Amino acid sequence: MDFTGQEPIGKCPKCGGRVFDNGMNYTCEHAAGNDRKCDFRVGSIILQQPVTPEQLQKLLATGKTDLLDKFISRRNGRGFKASSVLRQGRQSWFRV
């Protein structure tokens, strides 16, 4: 995968590499290609809620996104609000 010419969104919380927008997900530069040294990836759409580059930038910089309000439950089809946080280099969503 070639990220030449792209602006990084932020710093990978697992390995310190640069994170780029890769279309359907945001990927650490070291999690792409044949020589993978990292596994950090975040989907750009989660439960029908787009995760904007600005929100991912905030997640990488502060460890938390804003409260997002357009998630759709797979179980009942209802909308709900959630924030994403980083814990030990992994992304988690917390429903409010």
N, C-alpha and C. Protein backbone atom coordinates (compact mmCIF):
# COMPACT_ATOMS: atom_id res chain seq x y z
N MET A 1 0.84 -1.17 0.00
CA MET A 1 0.00 0.00 0.00
C MET A 1 0.89 1.24 0.00
N ASP A 2 0.58 2.17 -0.84
CA ASP A 2 1.42 3.36 -0.99
C ASP A 2 0.68 4.60 -0.50
N PHE A 3 1.22 5.25 0.51
CA PHE A 3 0.61 6.46 1.06
C PHE A 3 1.33 7.72 0.59
N THR A 4 2.16 7.60 -0.43
CA THR A 4 2.91 8.73 -0.95
C THR A 4 1.95 9.85 -1.36
N GLY A 5 2.25 11.06 -0.92
CA GLY A 5 1.44 12.22 -1.27
C GLY A 5 0.26 12.46 -0.34
N GLN A 6 -0.03 11.53 0.56
CA GLN A 6 -1.14 11.71 1.50
C GLN A 6 -0.64 12.35 2.79
N GLU A 7 -1.50 13.16 3.39
CA GLU A 7 -1.22 13.75 4.69
C GLU A 7 -1.62 12.75 5.77
N PRO A 8 -0.74 12.48 6.73
CA PRO A 8 -1.14 11.60 7.81
C PRO A 8 -2.20 12.26 8.69
N ILE A 9 -3.09 11.44 9.25
CA ILE A 9 -4.14 11.95 10.12
C ILE A 9 -3.62 12.11 11.53
N GLY A 10 -2.70 11.26 11.92
CA GLY A 10 -2.15 11.33 13.26
C GLY A 10 -1.14 10.23 13.48
N LYS A 11 -0.77 10.07 14.75
CA LYS A 11 0.24 9.10 15.16
C LYS A 11 -0.43 7.84 15.68
N CYS A 12 0.05 6.68 15.26
CA CYS A 12 -0.49 5.40 15.70
C CYS A 12 -0.25 5.22 17.20
N PRO A 13 -1.31 4.87 17.94
CA PRO A 13 -1.17 4.69 19.39
C PRO A 13 -0.44 3.40 19.77
N LYS A 14 -0.27 2.50 18.82
CA LYS A 14 0.39 1.23 19.12
C LYS A 14 1.89 1.25 18.84
N CYS A 15 2.27 1.82 17.68
CA CYS A 15 3.69 1.75 17.30
C CYS A 15 4.33 3.11 17.03
N GLY A 16 3.53 4.17 17.01
CA GLY A 16 4.08 5.50 16.75
C GLY A 16 4.17 5.85 15.27
N GLY A 17 3.76 4.93 14.39
CA GLY A 17 3.77 5.20 12.95
C GLY A 17 2.71 6.22 12.59
N ARG A 18 2.64 6.56 11.32
CA ARG A 18 1.64 7.52 10.84
C ARG A 18 0.38 6.79 10.41
N VAL A 19 -0.79 7.39 10.70
CA VAL A 19 -2.08 6.82 10.34
C VAL A 19 -2.64 7.58 9.14
N PHE A 20 -3.11 6.83 8.14
CA PHE A 20 -3.62 7.41 6.90
C PHE A 20 -5.04 6.94 6.63
N ASP A 21 -5.77 7.74 5.85
CA ASP A 21 -7.10 7.37 5.36
C ASP A 21 -6.89 6.43 4.19
N ASN A 22 -7.48 5.23 4.31
CA ASN A 22 -7.30 4.21 3.28
C ASN A 22 -8.64 3.84 2.64
N GLY A 23 -9.55 4.81 2.56
CA GLY A 23 -10.85 4.55 1.96
C GLY A 23 -11.85 4.00 2.96
N MET A 24 -11.91 2.69 3.11
CA MET A 24 -12.86 2.06 4.03
C MET A 24 -12.38 2.01 5.47
N ASN A 25 -11.10 2.34 5.69
CA ASN A 25 -10.59 2.37 7.06
C ASN A 25 -9.42 3.33 7.17
N TYR A 26 -9.05 3.58 8.40
CA TYR A 26 -7.86 4.36 8.71
C TYR A 26 -6.81 3.36 9.17
N THR A 27 -5.62 3.44 8.58
CA THR A 27 -4.62 2.39 8.76
C THR A 27 -3.26 2.96 9.13
N CYS A 28 -2.60 2.30 10.08
CA CYS A 28 -1.21 2.64 10.38
C CYS A 28 -0.35 2.25 9.19
N GLU A 29 0.63 3.08 8.90
CA GLU A 29 1.50 2.77 7.77
C GLU A 29 2.22 1.43 7.94
N HIS A 30 2.41 0.98 9.18
CA HIS A 30 3.08 -0.29 9.43
C HIS A 30 2.12 -1.48 9.48
N ALA A 31 0.83 -1.22 9.23
CA ALA A 31 -0.17 -2.29 9.20
C ALA A 31 -0.57 -2.61 7.77
N ALA A 32 0.12 -2.02 6.81
CA ALA A 32 -0.22 -2.21 5.40
C ALA A 32 0.95 -2.87 4.68
N GLY A 33 0.65 -3.55 3.60
CA GLY A 33 1.68 -4.19 2.79
C GLY A 33 2.07 -5.56 3.32
N ASN A 34 3.12 -6.11 2.77
CA ASN A 34 3.55 -7.46 3.13
C ASN A 34 4.35 -7.53 4.43
N ASP A 35 5.03 -6.43 4.79
CA ASP A 35 5.90 -6.41 5.97
C ASP A 35 5.18 -5.73 7.14
N ARG A 36 4.11 -6.35 7.64
CA ARG A 36 3.28 -5.76 8.69
C ARG A 36 3.94 -5.89 10.05
N LYS A 37 4.08 -4.74 10.73
CA LYS A 37 4.66 -4.72 12.07
C LYS A 37 3.65 -4.24 13.10
N CYS A 38 2.47 -3.84 12.65
CA CYS A 38 1.44 -3.27 13.51
C CYS A 38 0.08 -3.73 12.99
N ASP A 39 -0.94 -3.66 13.85
CA ASP A 39 -2.27 -4.07 13.40
C ASP A 39 -3.33 -3.00 13.66
N PHE A 40 -2.92 -1.75 13.83
CA PHE A 40 -3.88 -0.69 14.12
C PHE A 40 -4.66 -0.29 12.87
N ARG A 41 -5.98 -0.48 12.95
CA ARG A 41 -6.92 -0.06 11.91
C ARG A 41 -8.21 0.35 12.58
N VAL A 42 -8.87 1.35 12.00
CA VAL A 42 -10.18 1.80 12.48
C VAL A 42 -11.06 1.97 11.26
N GLY A 43 -12.26 1.40 11.30
CA GLY A 43 -13.19 1.53 10.18
C GLY A 43 -13.64 2.97 9.99
N SER A 44 -13.85 3.37 8.75
CA SER A 44 -14.33 4.73 8.49
C SER A 44 -15.85 4.82 8.59
N ILE A 45 -16.52 3.67 8.64
CA ILE A 45 -17.97 3.62 8.89
C ILE A 45 -18.20 2.50 9.90
N ILE A 46 -18.79 2.84 11.03
CA ILE A 46 -19.05 1.86 12.08
C ILE A 46 -20.52 1.95 12.45
N LEU A 47 -21.26 0.85 12.30
CA LEU A 47 -22.70 0.81 12.56
C LEU A 47 -23.42 1.96 11.87
N GLN A 48 -23.12 2.16 10.62
CA GLN A 48 -23.72 3.17 9.74
C GLN A 48 -23.36 4.60 10.12
N GLN A 49 -22.43 4.79 11.05
CA GLN A 49 -21.97 6.12 11.46
C GLN A 49 -20.61 6.39 10.83
N PRO A 50 -20.52 7.39 9.94
CA PRO A 50 -19.21 7.73 9.39
C PRO A 50 -18.29 8.28 10.49
N VAL A 51 -17.06 7.82 10.49
CA VAL A 51 -16.05 8.34 11.40
C VAL A 51 -15.18 9.26 10.56
N THR A 52 -15.32 10.56 10.77
CA THR A 52 -14.62 11.55 9.94
C THR A 52 -13.14 11.60 10.30
N PRO A 53 -12.32 12.07 9.37
CA PRO A 53 -10.90 12.24 9.68
C PRO A 53 -10.69 13.15 10.89
N GLU A 54 -11.55 14.15 11.06
CA GLU A 54 -11.42 15.06 12.21
C GLU A 54 -11.65 14.32 13.53
N GLN A 55 -12.63 13.41 13.54
CA GLN A 55 -12.89 12.63 14.77
C GLN A 55 -11.75 11.65 15.03
N LEU A 56 -11.19 11.05 13.99
CA LEU A 56 -10.07 10.14 14.20
C LEU A 56 -8.85 10.92 14.68
N GLN A 57 -8.65 12.11 14.13
CA GLN A 57 -7.55 12.96 14.57
C GLN A 57 -7.69 13.27 16.06
N LYS A 58 -8.91 13.58 16.49
CA LYS A 58 -9.18 13.85 17.89
C LYS A 58 -8.92 12.60 18.74
N LEU A 59 -9.35 11.44 18.26
CA LEU A 59 -9.12 10.18 18.97
C LEU A 59 -7.63 9.92 19.15
N LEU A 60 -6.85 10.11 18.10
CA LEU A 60 -5.42 9.86 18.16
C LEU A 60 -4.69 10.87 19.03
N ALA A 61 -5.15 12.12 19.04
CA ALA A 61 -4.48 13.18 19.80
C ALA A 61 -4.86 13.18 21.28
N THR A 62 -6.14 12.94 21.58
CA THR A 62 -6.62 13.08 22.96
C THR A 62 -7.06 11.77 23.59
N GLY A 63 -7.23 10.73 22.77
CA GLY A 63 -7.68 9.45 23.30
C GLY A 63 -9.19 9.29 23.32
N LYS A 64 -9.94 10.28 22.80
CA LYS A 64 -11.40 10.20 22.83
C LYS A 64 -12.00 11.04 21.70
N THR A 65 -13.11 10.54 21.12
CA THR A 65 -13.85 11.32 20.13
C THR A 65 -14.93 12.12 20.83
N ASP A 66 -15.59 12.99 20.07
CA ASP A 66 -16.79 13.64 20.55
C ASP A 66 -17.88 12.59 20.67
N LEU A 67 -18.97 12.94 21.31
CA LEU A 67 -20.14 12.07 21.36
C LEU A 67 -20.80 12.11 19.98
N LEU A 68 -20.87 10.96 19.33
CA LEU A 68 -21.45 10.85 18.00
C LEU A 68 -22.84 10.26 18.14
N ASP A 69 -23.79 10.72 17.34
CA ASP A 69 -25.19 10.38 17.61
C ASP A 69 -25.94 9.64 16.52
N LYS A 70 -25.27 9.08 15.56
CA LYS A 70 -26.01 8.43 14.47
C LYS A 70 -25.67 6.96 14.29
N PHE A 71 -25.28 6.31 15.36
CA PHE A 71 -25.04 4.87 15.27
C PHE A 71 -26.38 4.14 15.18
N ILE A 72 -26.41 3.04 14.45
CA ILE A 72 -27.63 2.24 14.29
C ILE A 72 -27.34 0.85 14.83
N SER A 73 -28.14 0.43 15.81
CA SER A 73 -27.97 -0.88 16.43
C SER A 73 -28.26 -1.99 15.43
N ARG A 74 -27.43 -3.02 15.41
CA ARG A 74 -27.68 -4.19 14.56
C ARG A 74 -28.84 -5.01 15.11
N ARG A 75 -29.01 -5.00 16.41
CA ARG A 75 -30.05 -5.81 17.04
C ARG A 75 -31.46 -5.30 16.81
N ASN A 76 -31.65 -3.98 17.04
CA ASN A 76 -33.02 -3.47 16.97
C ASN A 76 -33.22 -2.34 15.96
N GLY A 77 -32.17 -1.93 15.26
CA GLY A 77 -32.29 -0.90 14.23
C GLY A 77 -32.46 0.51 14.76
N ARG A 78 -32.37 0.69 16.06
CA ARG A 78 -32.53 2.02 16.66
C ARG A 78 -31.20 2.76 16.71
N GLY A 79 -31.32 4.08 16.65
CA GLY A 79 -30.14 4.92 16.75
C GLY A 79 -29.70 5.08 18.19
N PHE A 80 -28.40 5.34 18.37
CA PHE A 80 -27.88 5.61 19.71
C PHE A 80 -26.63 6.47 19.61
N LYS A 81 -26.23 7.04 20.74
CA LYS A 81 -25.05 7.88 20.83
C LYS A 81 -23.91 7.09 21.46
N ALA A 82 -22.69 7.39 21.01
CA ALA A 82 -21.51 6.73 21.59
C ALA A 82 -20.27 7.58 21.34
N SER A 83 -19.28 7.37 22.16
CA SER A 83 -17.95 7.97 21.99
C SER A 83 -16.95 6.85 21.84
N SER A 84 -15.86 7.13 21.18
CA SER A 84 -14.79 6.16 21.05
C SER A 84 -13.63 6.60 21.93
N VAL A 85 -13.00 5.63 22.57
CA VAL A 85 -11.82 5.90 23.39
C VAL A 85 -10.73 4.91 23.02
N LEU A 86 -9.50 5.30 23.27
CA LEU A 86 -8.35 4.42 23.08
C LEU A 86 -7.93 3.88 24.44
N ARG A 87 -7.77 2.57 24.50
CA ARG A 87 -7.26 1.92 25.71
C ARG A 87 -6.22 0.92 25.28
N GLN A 88 -5.00 1.14 25.74
CA GLN A 88 -3.88 0.26 25.41
C GLN A 88 -3.73 0.07 23.90
N GLY A 89 -3.92 1.15 23.14
CA GLY A 89 -3.75 1.10 21.70
C GLY A 89 -4.91 0.50 20.93
N ARG A 90 -5.99 0.19 21.61
CA ARG A 90 -7.17 -0.38 20.96
C ARG A 90 -8.34 0.58 21.08
N GLN A 91 -9.15 0.61 20.05
CA GLN A 91 -10.32 1.48 20.01
C GLN A 91 -11.52 0.75 20.60
N SER A 92 -12.26 1.45 21.45
CA SER A 92 -13.50 0.91 22.02
C SER A 92 -14.60 1.95 21.89
N TRP A 93 -15.83 1.50 21.76
CA TRP A 93 -16.99 2.41 21.69
C TRP A 93 -17.80 2.26 22.95
N PHE A 94 -18.24 3.40 23.48
CA PHE A 94 -19.05 3.40 24.69
C PHE A 94 -20.38 4.09 24.42
N ARG A 95 -21.42 3.33 24.55
CA ARG A 95 -22.78 3.81 24.33
C ARG A 95 -23.21 4.69 25.50
N VAL A 96 -23.90 5.78 25.17
CA VAL A 96 -24.37 6.71 26.21
C VAL A 96 -25.88 6.67 26.27
